[in-house]
Amino acid sequence: MQGDDSPRATAQPSVTAQPSVTAQPSVTAQPKETAQPGEPAQPSGSAVILRVLRVSLHVGFAVLLLVAVVRLAVAGLSAFATWAGLGLALLLAAVYLLGTVLEKRHAGNSERFDPKPYARWWLAVVGFLWLLLMLITPDFAWIAFPLFFVQLHILRRRFALPAIAASTALLIAAMWFHNRGAGADALQLGMVLGPVFGAAFAVVTGLAYRALYVEAENQRLAAEELRRTRAELARSQHDAGVLAERERLAREIHDTLAQGFSSIVLMGRSAEKALDAGDHAAARDRLRTVRETAASNLAEARNFVRGLGSPELVESSLADTLRRLCTKTEAEAAARGATLRCRFELQGTPVPLPNPYQTTLLRAAQSSLANVWAHAQARTAVVTLSFLDAEVTMDVFDDGAGFDPAAAAAAAARGDGTGVGLKSLRERLAALNGTLEVESAPGEGTVVAIRLPLVAGSAALEASP
């Protein structure tokens, strides 16, 4: 068992801060062995030494008690003394075993009953039973040596040393009491030196045990701190990964499915108006656009599940995909009753681009042109894809109403999920070491300029997990 007022032992400083060891080891307490989840616990060298010392102490107590009981049974004392000694010995064994078992169970599971507050009472009962047995026969004198260790580890040092000295004096007095019939030789030199040297040996060994315990406890605390830090790091990395994946999906949904659904709603309304006006050809054309857009959204959704790129880029090159996007933008603007001329221009010699580059440029064009026909009220829009020596650029120009870029950057996303286009695009480009510039002013149109470095961007792709 372990005392609640044991001396404090301060942990040595290490690379990481460690809590101080504030609880004194008991005869049964041991440093907890830590291991990673799913791995067996690997006890340290100090823990093994402490375990051996602890087991040796209990075995020594049991052996000495058994020897004393056997000698009591064959000593030829009166029946009352013999049966009283046997009963007290059995009671002492039960009390000692109860204390060690309770401490062992608590050391294995801190939620179980904690015997520390009752440790000194337990020690008092053990000591009292030992004194009673000493009055019956001196054969129980040798139990004092394991009890010295118990006193040293349960009591604070300033109390333990006087307690050991008092126990040594009582031990000498008991042996003198049983040997007083020898006259002048009742108190012999060996009866004094044996207990004194035994007590001194117990004190020295107990202090060494205490030092080992403190070292082992500090190692355990350091291991727990390291494991806790690793767990927190793994949790933060997991949370960061979840957040990054959520943001990536949000960008994909905004630039593909959301734009497609918006087009479907627009074309559906336009087809309804055409039917009301009796223009079946226009209604059929709008419904065909709805079907194509829905099929494209379905393909995009399936690619999300499979983690693939845009299906439009699988079927054709980036330039052809952007050219078709311009044609589709004109049709969607016409469905709104607006006249928009949208054309695609290619400059330079196309070179193969990584899939993330192509996807980012396509999403940028889709988002920019969706804003053109939805908000800009433009008559002309031009998408220019340029392949230069060290970079690929794309400019999306419109002669529409324009806006204030600073105010748009400061504005928060709207509650309906819109208003995140530029923010999403900047995040995409930042992941590829690209840049985004928006030049616009109210009434003067807009230019969205995108730059992707071919060398640095490729290095960023190789470095990304």
Protein backbone atom coordinates (compact mmCIF):
# COMPACT_ATOMS: atom_id res chain seq x y z
CA MET A 1 0.00 0.00 0.00
CA GLN A 2 1.05 3.60 -0.53
CA GLY A 3 0.91 6.58 1.82
CA ASP A 4 -0.75 9.81 0.80
CA ASP A 5 1.91 11.98 2.42
CA SER A 6 5.01 10.40 0.94
CA PRO A 7 8.00 12.58 0.09
CA ARG A 8 8.10 14.34 -3.23
CA ALA A 9 10.66 13.42 -5.85
CA THR A 10 11.24 15.92 -8.64
CA ALA A 11 11.71 14.70 -12.20
CA GLN A 12 14.93 15.59 -13.97
CA PRO A 13 14.51 18.05 -16.83
CA SER A 14 14.40 16.59 -20.32
CA VAL A 15 13.84 17.72 -23.86
CA THR A 16 10.12 17.80 -23.24
CA ALA A 17 8.57 19.06 -20.06
CA GLN A 18 7.65 16.27 -17.65
CA PRO A 19 5.41 16.42 -14.63
CA SER A 20 7.11 15.92 -11.31
CA VAL A 21 6.74 12.63 -9.51
CA THR A 22 4.70 13.59 -6.49
CA ALA A 23 3.66 10.19 -5.15
CA GLN A 24 6.14 8.03 -3.27
CA PRO A 25 6.40 4.40 -4.37
CA SER A 26 4.89 1.75 -2.17
CA VAL A 27 5.91 -1.80 -1.57
CA THR A 28 3.52 -2.95 -4.25
CA ALA A 29 3.31 0.06 -6.55
CA GLN A 30 5.14 -0.11 -9.85
CA PRO A 31 5.62 2.26 -12.76
CA LYS A 32 3.02 1.66 -15.43
CA GLU A 33 4.37 0.24 -18.65
CA THR A 34 3.22 2.14 -21.71
CA ALA A 35 3.01 1.02 -25.31
CA GLN A 36 1.50 2.15 -28.55
CA PRO A 37 -2.05 0.95 -29.22
CA GLY A 38 -2.03 -2.60 -30.50
CA GLU A 39 1.51 -3.25 -29.25
CA PRO A 40 2.48 -5.27 -26.17
CA ALA A 41 3.91 -3.27 -23.28
CA GLN A 42 7.69 -3.35 -23.13
CA PRO A 43 8.91 -2.84 -19.54
CA SER A 44 12.03 -0.76 -19.06
CA GLY A 45 15.12 -2.02 -17.25
CA SER A 46 14.22 -0.02 -14.15
CA ALA A 47 10.70 -1.44 -14.15
CA VAL A 48 12.08 -4.99 -14.29
CA ILE A 49 14.43 -4.30 -11.36
CA LEU A 50 11.57 -2.82 -9.34
CA ARG A 51 9.39 -5.80 -10.08
CA VAL A 52 12.10 -8.20 -8.91
CA LEU A 53 12.62 -6.20 -5.71
CA ARG A 54 8.90 -6.06 -5.03
CA VAL A 55 8.40 -9.80 -5.59
CA SER A 56 11.48 -10.57 -3.48
CA LEU A 57 10.09 -8.46 -0.63
CA HIS A 58 6.75 -10.28 -0.62
CA VAL A 59 8.36 -13.69 -0.95
CA GLY A 60 10.77 -12.86 1.88
CA PHE A 61 7.91 -11.79 4.15
CA ALA A 62 5.96 -14.97 3.37
CA VAL A 63 8.97 -17.26 3.90
CA LEU A 64 9.95 -15.64 7.22
CA LEU A 65 6.36 -15.80 8.44
CA LEU A 66 6.08 -19.47 7.43
CA VAL A 67 9.35 -20.36 9.18
CA ALA A 68 8.19 -18.59 12.35
CA VAL A 69 4.84 -20.43 12.27
CA VAL A 70 6.57 -23.80 11.87
CA ARG A 71 8.93 -23.07 14.77
CA LEU A 72 5.95 -21.92 16.84
CA ALA A 73 4.14 -25.19 16.17
CA VAL A 74 7.10 -27.31 17.33
CA ALA A 75 8.31 -25.03 20.14
CA GLY A 76 6.36 -26.89 22.84
CA LEU A 77 4.58 -23.81 24.20
CA SER A 78 1.26 -23.98 25.97
CA ALA A 79 -1.80 -24.74 23.89
CA PHE A 80 -3.17 -21.24 24.42
CA ALA A 81 0.09 -19.58 23.31
CA THR A 82 0.40 -21.88 20.31
CA TRP A 83 -3.17 -21.38 19.06
CA ALA A 84 -3.03 -17.64 19.79
CA GLY A 85 0.23 -17.37 17.83
CA LEU A 86 -1.18 -19.37 14.92
CA GLY A 87 -4.32 -17.21 14.85
CA LEU A 88 -2.36 -13.95 14.98
CA ALA A 89 0.01 -15.20 12.28
CA LEU A 90 -2.92 -16.11 10.03
CA LEU A 91 -4.49 -12.70 10.67
CA LEU A 92 -1.17 -10.96 9.89
CA ALA A 93 -0.84 -12.88 6.62
CA ALA A 94 -4.42 -11.95 5.64
CA VAL A 95 -3.96 -8.25 6.41
CA TYR A 96 -0.64 -8.10 4.56
CA LEU A 97 -2.07 -9.94 1.55
CA LEU A 98 -5.15 -7.73 1.48
CA GLY A 99 -3.06 -4.56 1.35
CA THR A 100 -0.77 -5.80 -1.41
CA VAL A 101 -3.65 -7.11 -3.54
CA LEU A 102 -5.62 -3.87 -3.26
CA GLU A 103 -2.57 -1.80 -4.22
CA LYS A 104 -1.79 -4.12 -7.12
CA ARG A 105 -5.34 -3.89 -8.47
CA HIS A 106 -5.30 -0.10 -8.18
CA ALA A 107 -1.92 0.12 -9.94
CA GLY A 108 -3.36 -1.88 -12.84
CA ASN A 109 -6.59 0.14 -13.03
CA SER A 110 -6.74 3.57 -11.42
CA GLU A 111 -10.56 3.47 -11.41
CA ARG A 112 -10.58 0.70 -8.81
CA PHE A 113 -10.53 1.24 -5.05
CA ASP A 114 -7.56 3.38 -3.99
CA PRO A 115 -6.05 2.12 -0.69
CA LYS A 116 -3.57 5.00 -0.31
CA PRO A 117 -5.63 6.97 2.25
CA TYR A 118 -5.65 3.90 4.52
CA ALA A 119 -1.99 2.95 4.06
CA ARG A 120 -0.78 4.17 7.48
CA TRP A 121 -3.68 2.45 9.23
CA TRP A 122 -2.79 -0.73 7.41
CA LEU A 123 0.85 -0.36 8.51
CA ALA A 124 -0.25 0.23 12.11
CA VAL A 125 -2.32 -2.98 12.12
CA VAL A 126 0.56 -5.00 10.60
CA GLY A 127 3.01 -3.57 13.14
CA PHE A 128 0.66 -4.22 16.07
CA LEU A 129 0.09 -7.85 15.05
CA TRP A 130 3.85 -8.31 14.69
CA LEU A 131 4.44 -6.96 18.22
CA LEU A 132 1.83 -9.35 19.63
CA LEU A 133 3.54 -12.26 17.91
CA MET A 134 6.88 -11.07 19.28
CA LEU A 135 5.48 -11.34 22.80
CA ILE A 136 4.62 -14.99 22.16
CA THR A 137 7.91 -16.11 20.59
CA PRO A 138 11.08 -14.40 19.32
CA ASP A 139 10.92 -16.49 16.15
CA PHE A 140 8.80 -13.73 14.58
CA ALA A 141 11.62 -11.21 15.09
CA TRP A 142 13.00 -11.65 11.58
CA ILE A 143 9.76 -10.39 10.02
CA ALA A 144 11.01 -6.98 11.11
CA PHE A 145 13.36 -6.78 8.12
CA PRO A 146 10.68 -6.72 5.36
CA LEU A 147 8.63 -4.46 7.63
CA PHE A 148 11.51 -1.95 7.59
CA PHE A 149 11.02 -1.61 3.82
CA VAL A 150 7.27 -1.20 4.28
CA GLN A 151 7.78 1.60 6.79
CA LEU A 152 10.32 3.33 4.58
CA HIS A 153 8.03 3.39 1.55
CA ILE A 154 4.72 4.20 3.20
CA LEU A 155 5.88 6.90 5.60
CA ARG A 156 7.69 10.10 4.82
CA ARG A 157 11.39 9.89 5.42
CA ARG A 158 11.31 12.03 8.55
CA PHE A 159 8.71 9.65 10.02
CA ALA A 160 10.04 6.43 8.49
CA LEU A 161 13.52 6.66 10.00
CA PRO A 162 12.24 7.14 13.59
CA ALA A 163 9.72 4.34 13.02
CA ILE A 164 12.51 2.01 11.89
CA ALA A 165 14.62 3.00 14.88
CA ALA A 166 11.68 2.34 17.25
CA SER A 167 10.98 -1.03 15.62
CA THR A 168 14.66 -1.94 15.97
CA ALA A 169 14.58 -1.01 19.67
CA LEU A 170 11.39 -3.04 20.23
CA LEU A 171 12.95 -5.96 18.39
CA ILE A 172 16.04 -5.87 20.64
CA ALA A 173 13.82 -5.49 23.71
CA ALA A 174 11.67 -8.47 22.71
CA MET A 175 14.68 -10.71 22.25
CA TRP A 176 16.04 -9.58 25.60
CA PHE A 177 12.62 -10.26 27.14
CA HIS A 178 12.59 -13.85 25.93
CA ASN A 179 16.26 -14.34 26.93
CA ARG A 180 16.11 -12.69 30.36
CA GLY A 181 16.39 -16.03 32.12
CA ALA A 182 20.06 -16.21 31.05
CA GLY A 183 21.00 -13.72 33.74
CA ALA A 184 23.87 -11.38 32.94
CA ASP A 185 24.06 -12.72 29.39
CA ALA A 186 20.42 -11.91 28.62
CA LEU A 187 21.43 -9.07 26.27
CA GLN A 188 24.10 -10.34 23.90
CA LEU A 189 26.07 -8.38 21.30
CA GLY A 190 24.55 -10.30 18.39
CA MET A 191 21.04 -9.43 19.56
CA VAL A 192 21.93 -5.76 19.08
CA LEU A 193 24.15 -5.81 16.01
CA GLY A 194 21.82 -8.02 13.95
CA PRO A 195 18.75 -5.76 14.13
CA VAL A 196 20.85 -2.59 13.83
CA PHE A 197 22.70 -3.74 10.73
CA GLY A 198 19.46 -5.12 9.27
CA ALA A 199 17.73 -1.79 9.76
CA ALA A 200 20.68 0.08 8.20
CA PHE A 201 20.67 -2.27 5.21
CA ALA A 202 16.92 -1.78 4.78
CA VAL A 203 17.32 2.02 4.82
CA VAL A 204 20.09 1.99 2.20
CA THR A 205 18.26 -0.49 -0.03
CA GLY A 206 15.01 1.42 0.36
CA LEU A 207 16.64 4.67 -0.72
CA ALA A 208 18.09 2.92 -3.76
CA TYR A 209 14.65 1.50 -4.55
CA ARG A 210 13.18 4.98 -4.26
CA ALA A 211 15.75 6.38 -6.71
CA LEU A 212 14.98 3.60 -9.20
CA TYR A 213 11.28 4.23 -8.83
CA VAL A 214 11.66 7.96 -9.50
CA GLU A 215 13.73 7.26 -12.61
CA ALA A 216 11.24 4.70 -13.90
CA GLU A 217 8.31 7.00 -13.15
CA ASN A 218 9.97 9.87 -15.00
CA GLN A 219 10.52 7.61 -17.99
CA ARG A 220 6.89 6.57 -17.90
CA LEU A 221 5.70 10.17 -17.74
CA ALA A 222 7.98 11.11 -20.62
CA ALA A 223 6.65 8.17 -22.66
CA GLU A 224 3.06 9.16 -21.91
CA GLU A 225 3.78 12.76 -22.88
CA LEU A 226 5.36 11.59 -26.14
CA ARG A 227 2.44 9.29 -26.89
CA ARG A 228 -0.04 12.05 -26.07
CA THR A 229 1.85 14.48 -28.32
CA ARG A 230 1.87 11.94 -31.13
CA ALA A 231 -1.86 11.35 -30.71
CA GLU A 232 -2.56 15.08 -30.78
CA LEU A 233 -0.37 15.48 -33.87
CA ALA A 234 -2.13 12.59 -35.61
CA ARG A 235 -5.51 14.03 -34.66
CA SER A 236 -4.58 17.51 -35.92
CA GLN A 237 -3.25 16.05 -39.16
CA HIS A 238 -6.44 14.05 -39.57
CA ASP A 239 -8.56 17.13 -38.91
CA ALA A 240 -6.47 19.15 -41.36
CA GLY A 241 -6.86 16.41 -43.95
CA VAL A 242 -10.63 16.29 -43.43
CA LEU A 243 -10.86 20.07 -43.73
CA ALA A 244 -8.71 20.12 -46.86
CA GLU A 245 -10.82 17.38 -48.45
CA ARG A 246 -14.01 19.21 -47.50
CA GLU A 247 -12.70 22.41 -49.09
CA ARG A 248 -11.63 20.51 -52.20
CA LEU A 249 -15.07 18.94 -52.58
CA ALA A 250 -16.69 22.34 -51.98
CA ARG A 251 -14.62 23.82 -54.80
CA GLU A 252 -15.44 20.94 -57.13
CA ILE A 253 -19.16 21.09 -56.35
CA HIS A 254 -19.26 24.87 -56.76
CA ASP A 255 -17.39 24.85 -60.07
CA THR A 256 -19.18 21.85 -61.61
CA LEU A 257 -22.43 20.56 -60.11
CA ALA A 258 -23.66 23.91 -58.78
CA GLN A 259 -22.98 25.64 -62.09
CA GLY A 260 -24.62 22.78 -63.97
CA PHE A 261 -27.74 22.82 -61.79
CA SER A 262 -27.99 26.57 -62.24
CA SER A 263 -27.85 26.07 -66.00
CA ILE A 264 -30.50 23.35 -65.81
CA VAL A 265 -32.85 25.63 -63.85
CA LEU A 266 -32.28 28.44 -66.33
CA MET A 267 -32.82 26.25 -69.38
CA GLY A 268 -35.91 24.68 -67.84
CA ARG A 269 -37.49 28.09 -67.30
CA SER A 270 -36.56 29.11 -70.83
CA ALA A 271 -38.09 25.91 -72.26
CA GLU A 272 -41.29 26.55 -70.28
CA LYS A 273 -41.56 30.06 -71.71
CA ALA A 274 -40.92 28.75 -75.22
CA LEU A 275 -43.70 26.18 -74.81
CA ASP A 276 -46.07 28.86 -73.56
CA ALA A 277 -45.22 30.93 -76.63
CA GLY A 278 -45.74 27.96 -78.96
CA ASP A 279 -42.07 27.89 -80.02
CA HIS A 280 -41.58 24.12 -79.93
CA ALA A 281 -38.26 24.23 -81.75
CA ALA A 282 -36.74 26.56 -79.15
CA ALA A 283 -38.24 24.46 -76.32
CA ARG A 284 -36.74 21.31 -77.84
CA ASP A 285 -33.36 23.01 -78.12
CA ARG A 286 -33.49 24.12 -74.47
CA LEU A 287 -34.49 20.64 -73.31
CA ARG A 288 -31.59 19.15 -75.27
CA THR A 289 -29.25 21.52 -73.40
CA VAL A 290 -30.86 20.46 -70.10
CA ARG A 291 -30.27 16.79 -70.97
CA GLU A 292 -26.64 17.40 -71.94
CA THR A 293 -25.96 19.43 -68.82
CA ALA A 294 -27.58 16.81 -66.59
CA ALA A 295 -25.52 14.07 -68.26
CA SER A 296 -22.37 16.12 -67.73
CA ASN A 297 -23.23 16.66 -64.05
CA LEU A 298 -23.88 12.95 -63.63
CA ALA A 299 -20.49 12.14 -65.14
CA GLU A 300 -18.84 14.69 -62.84
CA ALA A 301 -20.57 13.19 -59.79
CA ARG A 302 -19.41 9.70 -60.72
CA ASN A 303 -15.88 10.97 -61.16
CA PHE A 304 -16.01 12.49 -57.68
CA VAL A 305 -16.79 9.04 -56.29
CA ARG A 306 -13.96 7.42 -58.27
CA GLY A 307 -11.52 10.28 -57.62
CA LEU A 308 -10.95 10.97 -61.30
CA GLY A 309 -10.56 14.17 -63.28
CA SER A 310 -13.18 15.94 -65.33
CA PRO A 311 -14.78 13.64 -67.93
CA GLU A 312 -14.71 16.50 -70.47
CA LEU A 313 -10.91 16.51 -70.35
CA VAL A 314 -10.79 12.75 -70.78
CA GLU A 315 -12.74 12.91 -74.02
CA SER A 316 -10.88 15.86 -75.57
CA SER A 317 -8.05 18.34 -75.10
CA LEU A 318 -8.21 21.40 -72.89
CA ALA A 319 -8.44 23.74 -75.88
CA ASP A 320 -11.37 21.83 -77.43
CA THR A 321 -13.11 21.68 -74.03
CA LEU A 322 -12.78 25.46 -73.59
CA ARG A 323 -14.05 26.03 -77.11
CA ARG A 324 -17.17 23.95 -76.42
CA LEU A 325 -17.62 25.79 -73.12
CA CYS A 326 -17.77 29.11 -75.00
CA THR A 327 -20.44 27.71 -77.32
CA LYS A 328 -22.45 26.46 -74.35
CA THR A 329 -22.16 29.85 -72.63
CA GLU A 330 -23.61 31.57 -75.70
CA ALA A 331 -26.56 29.15 -75.67
CA GLU A 332 -27.22 29.70 -71.98
CA ALA A 333 -27.11 33.47 -72.43
CA ALA A 334 -29.55 33.18 -75.33
CA ALA A 335 -31.90 31.19 -73.12
CA ARG A 336 -32.03 34.22 -70.85
CA GLY A 337 -32.88 36.41 -73.79
CA ALA A 338 -29.41 38.01 -73.82
CA THR A 339 -27.08 38.42 -76.79
CA LEU A 340 -23.59 37.24 -75.84
CA ARG A 341 -20.78 36.57 -78.25
CA CYS A 342 -18.29 34.21 -76.59
CA ARG A 343 -15.20 33.03 -78.43
CA PHE A 344 -12.06 31.07 -77.59
CA GLU A 345 -8.53 31.99 -78.70
CA LEU A 346 -5.39 29.84 -78.50
CA GLN A 347 -1.92 31.40 -78.53
CA GLY A 348 1.38 29.58 -78.66
CA THR A 349 2.09 25.91 -79.16
CA PRO A 350 0.12 23.69 -76.79
CA VAL A 351 2.19 21.43 -74.55
CA PRO A 352 0.96 18.53 -72.40
CA LEU A 353 -0.24 19.78 -69.03
CA PRO A 354 -0.65 17.80 -65.79
CA ASN A 355 -4.22 16.84 -64.99
CA PRO A 356 -4.42 19.27 -62.01
CA TYR A 357 -3.40 22.12 -64.36
CA GLN A 358 -6.06 21.24 -66.91
CA THR A 359 -8.75 20.80 -64.26
CA THR A 360 -7.89 24.12 -62.60
CA LEU A 361 -7.94 26.05 -65.90
CA LEU A 362 -11.24 24.43 -66.91
CA ARG A 363 -12.87 25.18 -63.54
CA ALA A 364 -11.61 28.77 -63.72
CA ALA A 365 -13.14 29.21 -67.17
CA GLN A 366 -16.44 27.63 -66.10
CA SER A 367 -16.72 29.83 -63.00
CA SER A 368 -15.73 33.02 -64.85
CA LEU A 369 -18.10 32.48 -67.78
CA ALA A 370 -20.92 31.54 -65.43
CA ASN A 371 -20.48 34.94 -63.78
CA VAL A 372 -20.39 36.59 -67.19
CA TRP A 373 -23.78 35.37 -68.40
CA ALA A 374 -25.37 35.47 -64.93
CA HIS A 375 -24.22 38.88 -63.67
CA ALA A 376 -22.10 40.87 -66.11
CA GLN A 377 -24.76 41.62 -68.79
CA ALA A 378 -21.92 41.50 -71.30
CA ARG A 379 -22.18 41.37 -75.08
CA THR A 380 -18.74 39.92 -75.68
CA ALA A 381 -16.59 37.44 -73.78
CA VAL A 382 -13.20 36.12 -74.82
CA VAL A 383 -11.28 33.19 -73.32
CA THR A 384 -7.59 33.26 -74.28
CA LEU A 385 -5.31 30.30 -73.49
CA SER A 386 -1.60 31.06 -73.99
CA PHE A 387 1.37 28.71 -73.81
CA LEU A 388 4.54 30.64 -73.03
CA ASP A 389 8.07 29.42 -72.34
CA ALA A 390 7.84 29.16 -68.56
CA GLU A 391 4.13 29.39 -67.87
CA VAL A 392 0.65 28.80 -69.16
CA THR A 393 -1.85 31.64 -68.87
CA MET A 394 -5.56 32.06 -69.35
CA ASP A 395 -7.42 35.37 -69.57
CA VAL A 396 -11.20 35.66 -69.45
CA PHE A 397 -12.41 39.05 -70.68
CA ASP A 398 -15.93 40.47 -70.83
CA ASP A 399 -17.26 43.93 -71.63
CA GLY A 400 -20.00 43.74 -69.02
CA ALA A 401 -21.01 45.85 -66.05
CA GLY A 402 -17.83 45.17 -64.06
CA PHE A 403 -17.49 45.34 -60.28
CA ASP A 404 -15.18 46.45 -57.47
CA PRO A 405 -12.64 43.60 -56.85
CA ALA A 406 -11.65 44.96 -53.42
CA ALA A 407 -15.24 44.97 -52.23
CA ALA A 408 -15.81 41.49 -53.64
CA ALA A 409 -12.72 40.14 -51.85
CA ALA A 410 -13.83 41.64 -48.54
CA ALA A 411 -17.41 40.34 -48.81
CA ALA A 412 -18.19 37.05 -47.09
CA ALA A 413 -19.82 34.12 -48.84
CA ARG A 414 -23.56 34.42 -49.07
CA GLY A 415 -25.82 32.21 -47.01
CA ASP A 416 -27.15 30.37 -50.08
CA GLY A 417 -23.70 28.95 -50.84
CA THR A 418 -22.82 31.43 -53.57
CA GLY A 419 -20.17 34.10 -53.56
CA VAL A 420 -17.20 31.75 -53.14
CA GLY A 421 -16.01 31.55 -56.75
CA LEU A 422 -12.97 33.82 -56.54
CA LYS A 423 -11.94 32.43 -53.14
CA SER A 424 -12.20 28.86 -54.44
CA LEU A 425 -10.20 29.75 -57.54
CA ARG A 426 -7.44 31.40 -55.51
CA GLU A 427 -7.14 28.30 -53.34
CA ARG A 428 -6.86 26.07 -56.40
CA LEU A 429 -4.11 28.22 -57.89
CA ALA A 430 -2.23 28.59 -54.61
CA ALA A 431 -1.91 24.79 -54.42
CA LEU A 432 -0.12 24.90 -57.81
CA ASN A 433 2.00 28.01 -57.09
CA GLY A 434 -0.17 29.93 -59.51
CA THR A 435 -1.56 33.46 -59.34
CA LEU A 436 -4.90 35.11 -59.97
CA GLU A 437 -5.41 38.75 -60.92
CA VAL A 438 -8.78 40.39 -61.38
CA GLU A 439 -8.96 43.75 -63.17
CA SER A 440 -12.36 45.38 -63.15
CA ALA A 441 -14.26 48.53 -62.35
CA PRO A 442 -17.95 49.36 -62.40
CA GLY A 443 -19.03 49.92 -66.01
CA GLU A 444 -15.66 48.98 -67.52
CA GLY A 445 -15.83 45.19 -67.89
CA THR A 446 -13.65 42.54 -66.26
CA VAL A 447 -10.45 40.61 -66.96
CA VAL A 448 -9.62 37.50 -64.97
CA ALA A 449 -5.94 36.63 -65.49
CA ILE A 450 -4.53 33.26 -64.41
CA ARG A 451 -0.84 32.31 -64.38
CA LEU A 452 0.52 28.81 -63.78
CA PRO A 453 4.32 28.28 -63.80
CA LEU A 454 5.23 25.17 -65.70
CA VAL A 455 8.46 24.38 -63.79
CA ALA A 456 7.61 25.44 -60.20
CA GLY A 457 4.10 24.09 -60.52
CA SER A 458 5.34 20.69 -61.62
CA ALA A 459 7.70 20.62 -58.65
CA ALA A 460 4.79 21.41 -56.33
CA LEU A 461 2.83 18.52 -57.80
CA GLU A 462 5.73 16.12 -57.21
CA ALA A 463 6.15 17.35 -53.62
CA SER A 464 2.47 17.03 -52.77
CA PRO A 465 1.38 13.72 -51.12
